[in-house]
Protein backbone atom coordinates (compact mmCIF):
# COMPACT_ATOMS: atom_id res chain seq x y z
CA MET A 1 -64.70 -173.64 110.69
CA ASP A 2 -66.87 -172.90 107.72
CA ASN A 3 -68.65 -170.30 109.33
CA ARG A 4 -65.60 -167.96 109.63
CA LYS A 5 -66.76 -165.56 107.06
CA LEU A 6 -70.50 -165.54 108.37
CA ILE A 7 -69.86 -164.73 112.04
CA VAL A 8 -67.46 -161.77 110.94
CA LYS A 9 -70.06 -160.48 108.50
CA GLN A 10 -72.83 -160.71 111.25
CA ALA A 11 -70.36 -159.09 113.88
CA ILE A 12 -69.89 -155.98 111.31
CA ALA A 13 -73.80 -155.77 110.89
CA ASN A 14 -74.31 -155.69 114.62
CA GLU A 15 -76.09 -159.26 114.61
CA GLU A 16 -75.47 -161.86 117.19
CA PRO A 17 -73.20 -164.56 115.55
CA GLU A 18 -73.18 -168.19 116.60
CA THR A 19 -69.85 -167.45 118.13
CA VAL A 20 -68.27 -164.09 118.70
CA PRO A 21 -65.20 -163.62 116.43
CA VAL A 22 -61.54 -163.56 117.47
CA GLY A 23 -58.55 -161.72 115.64
CA PHE A 24 -54.99 -161.15 116.39
CA TRP A 25 -52.21 -159.88 113.89
CA TYR A 26 -48.52 -159.14 114.14
CA HIS A 27 -45.56 -157.95 111.78
CA TYR A 28 -43.43 -160.51 110.12
CA THR A 29 -40.44 -158.59 109.89
CA PRO A 30 -38.46 -156.06 111.97
CA PHE A 31 -38.99 -152.45 112.08
CA SER A 32 -35.88 -151.71 109.93
CA GLU A 33 -37.36 -153.73 107.05
CA HIS A 34 -40.74 -152.42 107.00
CA CYS A 35 -40.05 -149.60 104.26
CA ARG A 36 -37.51 -151.83 102.34
CA GLY A 37 -39.63 -154.47 100.37
CA LEU A 38 -38.79 -153.38 97.03
CA SER A 39 -35.00 -153.11 97.48
CA ASP A 40 -34.73 -156.53 99.15
CA PRO A 41 -37.26 -158.91 97.65
CA THR A 42 -36.63 -161.66 100.34
CA ILE A 43 -38.42 -159.32 102.71
CA ILE A 44 -41.84 -159.79 100.95
CA ASP A 45 -41.15 -163.51 100.54
CA ARG A 46 -40.78 -163.76 104.32
CA VAL A 47 -43.83 -161.76 104.99
CA ILE A 48 -45.95 -163.89 102.66
CA ALA A 49 -44.49 -167.28 104.23
CA GLY A 50 -45.28 -165.78 107.55
CA HIS A 51 -48.91 -164.97 106.53
CA LYS A 52 -49.30 -168.60 105.35
CA LYS A 53 -48.02 -170.21 108.46
CA MET A 54 -50.27 -168.10 110.85
CA TYR A 55 -53.12 -168.88 108.50
CA ASP A 56 -52.56 -172.52 108.84
CA GLU A 57 -51.78 -172.92 112.50
CA LEU A 58 -53.85 -170.06 114.28
CA LYS A 59 -56.94 -170.67 111.81
CA PRO A 60 -58.03 -166.96 112.30
CA ASP A 61 -61.81 -165.92 111.84
CA PHE A 62 -60.52 -163.03 109.59
CA LEU A 63 -57.05 -162.22 107.90
CA LYS A 64 -55.48 -158.95 108.11
CA ILE A 65 -52.77 -158.74 105.69
CA MET A 66 -50.01 -156.66 106.68
CA SER A 67 -48.27 -154.28 104.44
CA ASP A 68 -44.89 -155.05 106.02
CA GLY A 69 -42.20 -154.08 103.48
CA PHE A 70 -44.26 -151.35 101.92
CA PHE A 71 -44.40 -148.69 104.86
CA GLY A 72 -43.42 -145.17 104.28
CA HIS A 73 -43.61 -144.15 100.59
CA PRO A 74 -41.09 -144.91 97.73
CA SER A 75 -40.19 -141.30 97.29
CA MET A 76 -38.86 -140.95 100.79
CA ILE A 77 -36.39 -143.85 100.46
CA ASP A 78 -32.88 -142.77 100.98
CA LYS A 79 -33.64 -139.20 100.74
CA LYS A 80 -32.45 -136.57 103.17
CA PHE A 81 -35.08 -134.92 105.23
CA GLU A 82 -33.43 -132.17 107.44
CA CYS A 83 -36.00 -129.25 107.20
CA ALA A 84 -39.49 -128.92 106.26
CA GLU A 85 -38.28 -127.77 102.86
CA ASP A 86 -37.12 -131.33 102.21
CA LEU A 87 -40.69 -132.53 102.32
CA LYS A 88 -41.16 -131.05 98.67
CA GLN A 89 -39.14 -134.30 97.77
CA ILE A 90 -42.17 -136.43 98.46
CA LYS A 91 -44.07 -136.83 95.14
CA ALA A 92 -46.73 -139.38 94.04
CA VAL A 93 -45.37 -142.24 91.99
CA GLY A 94 -48.47 -143.36 90.07
CA PRO A 95 -50.47 -146.66 89.54
CA ASN A 96 -47.85 -148.54 87.75
CA HIS A 97 -45.07 -148.18 90.25
CA PRO A 98 -43.76 -151.43 91.52
CA TRP A 99 -44.59 -150.00 95.20
CA ILE A 100 -48.43 -150.60 94.14
CA ARG A 101 -47.84 -153.56 91.71
CA LYS A 102 -45.99 -155.66 94.39
CA GLN A 103 -48.67 -155.03 96.95
CA ILE A 104 -51.29 -156.23 94.53
CA GLU A 105 -49.26 -159.27 93.72
CA MET A 106 -48.80 -160.14 97.45
CA VAL A 107 -52.53 -159.70 98.20
CA ASN A 108 -53.45 -161.87 95.52
CA GLU A 109 -51.11 -164.74 96.58
CA LEU A 110 -52.42 -164.68 99.93
CA LEU A 111 -55.86 -164.78 98.68
CA ALA A 112 -55.26 -167.60 96.56
CA TYR A 113 -53.73 -169.54 99.37
CA THR A 114 -56.69 -168.85 101.47
CA HIS A 115 -58.99 -169.87 99.10
CA HIS A 116 -60.79 -166.53 100.18
CA ASP A 117 -62.32 -168.76 103.00
CA VAL A 118 -62.36 -165.84 105.40
CA LEU A 119 -62.89 -162.27 105.21
CA THR A 120 -59.54 -160.48 104.39
CA PHE A 121 -58.49 -156.86 105.22
CA TYR A 122 -55.45 -154.96 103.74
CA SER A 123 -53.40 -152.70 105.98
CA VAL A 124 -53.24 -149.24 104.60
CA PHE A 125 -51.74 -146.35 106.67
CA SER A 126 -52.78 -142.72 106.43
CA PRO A 127 -50.62 -140.48 104.28
CA LEU A 128 -49.31 -138.74 107.46
CA SER A 129 -48.79 -141.91 109.15
CA ALA A 130 -46.66 -143.25 106.13
CA ILE A 131 -44.25 -140.17 106.55
CA ARG A 132 -44.25 -140.67 110.32
CA LEU A 133 -43.37 -144.57 109.95
CA TYR A 134 -40.60 -143.99 107.66
CA PHE A 135 -38.80 -141.45 109.99
CA PHE A 136 -39.68 -143.66 112.95
CA GLU A 137 -38.73 -147.25 111.82
CA ASP A 138 -36.34 -146.69 108.67
CA GLU A 139 -34.57 -143.45 109.90
CA ASP A 140 -34.86 -144.57 113.69
CA CYS A 141 -35.63 -140.59 114.08
CA PRO A 142 -38.98 -140.79 116.19
CA ASP A 143 -39.09 -136.99 116.82
CA LYS A 144 -38.45 -135.80 113.23
CA PHE A 145 -42.24 -136.16 111.96
CA LEU A 146 -43.45 -133.75 114.65
CA LYS A 147 -40.28 -131.51 114.34
CA LEU A 148 -40.93 -131.00 110.61
CA PHE A 149 -44.76 -131.02 110.83
CA MET A 150 -44.53 -128.06 113.48
CA GLU A 151 -41.88 -126.37 111.25
CA ASN A 152 -44.18 -125.85 108.42
CA PRO A 153 -47.60 -127.77 108.73
CA GLU A 154 -48.61 -126.58 105.14
CA LEU A 155 -45.61 -128.38 103.53
CA MET A 156 -46.29 -131.31 105.55
CA ALA A 157 -50.04 -131.44 104.44
CA ASN A 158 -48.90 -131.01 100.84
CA ALA A 159 -46.62 -133.90 101.08
CA ALA A 160 -49.61 -136.04 102.61
CA LYS A 161 -51.76 -135.06 99.51
CA GLU A 162 -48.84 -136.44 97.27
CA ILE A 163 -49.25 -139.80 98.98
CA GLU A 164 -52.71 -139.59 99.16
CA LYS A 165 -52.82 -139.91 95.41
CA ASP A 166 -50.90 -143.23 95.39
CA PHE A 167 -53.18 -144.59 98.07
CA ILE A 168 -56.06 -143.78 96.17
CA CYS A 169 -54.36 -145.73 93.25
CA LEU A 170 -53.79 -148.62 95.57
CA ILE A 171 -57.36 -148.76 96.80
CA ASP A 172 -58.63 -148.65 93.28
CA ALA A 173 -56.47 -151.33 92.27
CA LEU A 174 -57.18 -153.66 95.54
CA LYS A 175 -60.84 -153.50 94.36
CA LYS A 176 -60.39 -153.97 90.59
CA GLU A 177 -57.78 -156.67 90.73
CA THR A 178 -58.33 -158.58 94.10
CA ASP A 179 -60.84 -159.94 96.00
CA ILE A 180 -60.13 -158.16 99.25
CA ASP A 181 -63.14 -157.59 101.41
CA GLY A 182 -61.83 -154.39 103.19
CA ILE A 183 -59.15 -152.19 104.30
CA TYR A 184 -57.69 -151.96 107.90
CA TYR A 185 -57.06 -148.17 107.87
CA SER A 186 -54.69 -146.90 110.39
CA VAL A 187 -54.73 -143.35 111.78
CA GLN A 188 -52.89 -141.37 114.69
CA GLU A 189 -53.08 -137.93 116.15
CA VAL A 190 -50.27 -135.61 115.72
CA GLN A 191 -48.99 -136.33 119.29
CA ASN A 192 -48.48 -132.83 120.37
CA LYS A 193 -50.58 -131.27 123.09
CA THR A 194 -50.71 -127.86 121.27
CA CYS A 195 -52.32 -129.46 118.24
CA GLY A 196 -55.95 -129.50 118.97
CA VAL A 197 -59.17 -130.07 117.08
CA GLU A 198 -58.52 -127.15 114.82
CA PHE A 199 -55.17 -128.37 113.66
CA HIS A 200 -56.66 -131.84 113.23
CA GLU A 201 -59.33 -130.37 111.04
CA LYS A 202 -57.13 -128.36 108.91
CA TYR A 203 -54.02 -130.54 108.39
CA VAL A 204 -54.89 -134.39 109.27
CA ARG A 205 -58.56 -134.85 108.61
CA PRO A 206 -58.69 -133.92 104.89
CA SER A 207 -56.47 -136.70 103.51
CA ASP A 208 -57.87 -139.34 105.86
CA VAL A 209 -61.43 -138.46 104.52
CA VAL A 210 -60.56 -138.51 100.90
CA ILE A 211 -58.91 -142.07 101.31
CA LEU A 212 -61.87 -143.38 103.48
CA ASP A 213 -64.39 -141.86 100.96
CA GLU A 214 -62.53 -143.89 98.19
CA MET A 215 -63.03 -146.95 100.28
CA LYS A 216 -66.69 -146.56 100.59
CA LYS A 217 -67.10 -145.56 96.97
CA ASN A 218 -65.46 -149.01 96.04
CA ASP A 219 -67.68 -150.73 98.42
CA LEU A 220 -64.84 -151.88 100.69
CA THR A 221 -65.46 -152.73 104.57
CA ILE A 222 -63.48 -150.19 106.59
CA LEU A 223 -61.83 -151.33 109.74
CA LEU A 224 -60.56 -147.91 111.33
CA HIS A 225 -57.62 -148.52 113.47
CA ILE A 226 -56.91 -145.58 115.89
CA CYS A 227 -53.17 -146.39 116.60
CA GLY A 228 -52.19 -145.75 120.18
CA TRP A 229 -49.66 -147.38 122.86
CA GLY A 230 -47.77 -146.38 125.80
CA GLU A 231 -47.49 -142.63 125.75
CA PHE A 232 -48.90 -142.50 122.23
CA THR A 233 -52.55 -141.67 122.82
CA ASN A 234 -55.41 -140.15 120.84
CA ASN A 235 -58.56 -138.20 121.31
CA LEU A 236 -61.01 -140.73 120.05
CA GLU A 237 -63.72 -138.09 119.43
CA LEU A 238 -61.73 -136.55 116.50
CA TYR A 239 -62.69 -139.94 114.79
CA THR A 240 -66.08 -140.51 115.75
CA ASP A 241 -67.62 -139.11 112.41
CA TYR A 242 -64.74 -140.95 110.27
CA PRO A 243 -66.69 -143.30 107.88
CA SER A 244 -65.98 -146.81 109.05
CA ASP A 245 -67.69 -150.30 109.76
CA ILE A 246 -65.65 -151.50 112.64
CA VAL A 247 -63.36 -149.48 114.94
CA ASN A 248 -60.26 -150.64 116.85
CA TRP A 249 -58.35 -148.46 119.21
CA ALA A 250 -56.07 -148.90 122.09
CA THR A 251 -58.38 -149.58 124.93
CA HIS A 252 -55.80 -149.79 127.53
CA ALA A 253 -53.73 -146.77 126.54
CA GLU A 254 -56.97 -144.67 125.98
CA ASN A 255 -58.44 -146.32 128.90
CA VAL A 256 -61.67 -146.57 127.09
CA SER A 257 -63.57 -150.08 127.11
CA LEU A 258 -65.00 -151.85 124.38
CA LYS A 259 -68.52 -151.05 125.72
CA GLU A 260 -67.59 -147.28 126.02
CA GLY A 261 -66.26 -147.20 122.71
CA LYS A 262 -69.15 -148.85 121.24
CA LYS A 263 -71.18 -146.15 122.51
CA LEU A 264 -68.77 -143.38 121.52
CA PHE A 265 -68.67 -144.52 117.91
CA GLY A 266 -72.49 -144.65 117.64
CA GLY A 267 -73.10 -148.28 118.27
CA LYS A 268 -70.73 -149.54 115.32
CA ALA A 269 -68.99 -152.81 115.57
CA VAL A 270 -65.79 -152.89 117.78
CA LEU A 271 -62.73 -154.89 117.91
CA GLY A 272 -60.11 -155.30 120.74
CA GLY A 273 -60.03 -156.02 124.46
CA PHE A 274 -56.49 -156.91 125.06
CA ASP A 275 -53.39 -154.81 125.43
CA ASN A 276 -51.01 -155.79 122.67
CA ASN A 277 -47.79 -154.73 124.34
CA PRO A 278 -45.33 -157.42 125.51
CA GLY A 279 -45.39 -158.19 129.22
CA THR A 280 -48.83 -157.12 129.65
CA PHE A 281 -51.97 -159.41 130.67
CA LEU A 282 -52.39 -161.27 127.18
CA TYR A 283 -48.67 -162.40 127.66
CA THR A 284 -48.53 -163.19 131.48
CA ALA A 285 -51.89 -164.06 132.81
CA SER A 286 -52.79 -167.73 133.69
CA ASP A 287 -55.52 -169.60 131.69
CA ALA A 288 -57.86 -169.00 134.41
CA GLU A 289 -57.35 -165.31 134.39
CA ILE A 290 -57.70 -165.22 130.56
CA LYS A 291 -60.85 -167.02 130.93
CA SER A 292 -62.22 -164.73 133.69
CA TYR A 293 -61.20 -161.61 131.52
CA VAL A 294 -62.67 -162.74 128.42
CA THR A 295 -66.05 -163.87 130.18
CA SER A 296 -66.12 -160.22 131.82
CA ILE A 297 -65.67 -158.55 128.39
CA LEU A 298 -68.44 -160.46 126.95
CA ASP A 299 -70.68 -160.28 129.78
CA GLU A 300 -70.32 -156.44 129.81
CA CYS A 301 -70.46 -155.97 125.91
CA GLY A 302 -72.77 -158.84 124.82
CA LYS A 303 -72.29 -160.60 121.60
CA LYS A 304 -73.48 -158.25 119.14
CA GLY A 305 -71.03 -156.39 117.03
CA ILE A 306 -67.98 -157.34 119.05
CA ILE A 307 -64.76 -158.84 117.77
CA VAL A 308 -62.29 -160.04 120.50
CA GLY A 309 -58.63 -159.07 119.71
CA ALA A 310 -55.72 -156.87 120.73
CA ASP A 311 -55.30 -152.95 120.60
CA CYS A 312 -52.83 -153.24 117.84
CA THR A 313 -50.07 -155.73 116.74
CA VAL A 314 -49.26 -158.38 119.33
CA ASP A 315 -45.51 -159.47 119.64
CA PRO A 316 -45.11 -162.66 117.36
CA ALA A 317 -43.05 -164.06 120.35
CA ILE A 318 -46.27 -164.77 121.92
CA GLY A 319 -46.73 -167.93 119.80
CA PHE A 320 -50.00 -169.51 118.52
CA GLU A 321 -51.14 -171.42 121.66
CA ARG A 322 -51.98 -168.43 123.80
CA LEU A 323 -53.92 -166.83 121.14
CA LYS A 324 -55.65 -170.28 120.28
CA TYR A 325 -56.72 -170.50 123.78
CA VAL A 326 -58.45 -166.96 123.69
CA LYS A 327 -60.42 -168.28 120.85
CA LYS A 328 -61.19 -171.54 122.83
CA VAL A 329 -62.41 -169.42 125.76
CA VAL A 330 -64.67 -167.17 123.51
CA ASP A 331 -66.13 -170.27 121.84
CA GLU A 332 -66.80 -172.00 125.20
CA TYR A 333 -68.63 -168.60 126.36
CA ASN A 334 -70.95 -168.80 123.54
CA LYS A 335 -71.86 -172.57 124.25
């Protein structure tokens, strides 16, 4: 276990580690609580406790700290958003707001618990994803984000710029006040077939690049997550020149394998391989099938610049034993 930091660093550097790293993660609270950490402190207590249990029992090669409880943006909480004009209510809250300070406290508590024995990444959503997730999870209105975006793209982009200011404050504070190694930065296409490359370049990319550049300036490792599942798919080519050190995408939803993705992203380190959705292969396959599948991934990709994991968050109902078995198979492959 003492080599966990080393093997992940080697994977990021596209070197061949002693054993290929493995990493899975999941949410610790239901969707309805993902934006409510400030109004209900027990949510954050449960998120912290969940991380600690996972760290102790799964013994991951790296730790992805989930920002459950801090989704969305505090200026959106309990506001009414019926038309695009209402997006003007979204305003930056500044570096001293509890929404930022409590995240720093949570990260430091978890780093102290792990003694920083593994590389640790903190989850940060793109500003547009923060808006989308508030409507999707807190309001349970999955269509509202797209409706308001199409009604007035400029107002949505301006709202994203306000949230961008606070994410920059958060990233700076993570660098200055914690020992975090990197950021897991989650992005997603607008999910409208009429919004092509030009739309992305004008309304989506600018805030992404500002935040990614802030991570680079702070010398933080960037794990770029291109979030897709089910019918939510992305044009991966929109993201090939985004600054990043590791790339994670929905290999199954996008139908782009790890080997193909590694080539697409210019040889960068890649993470994934398993569909994360409940009821799929990771959950239902026999041990023999899991072993055969992992072997096929590593035979195809080799051991350089590869981290075995899932397309996104796995269902916590899967338990630890199945995920431990994937790690065992990977270790056996290396031997």
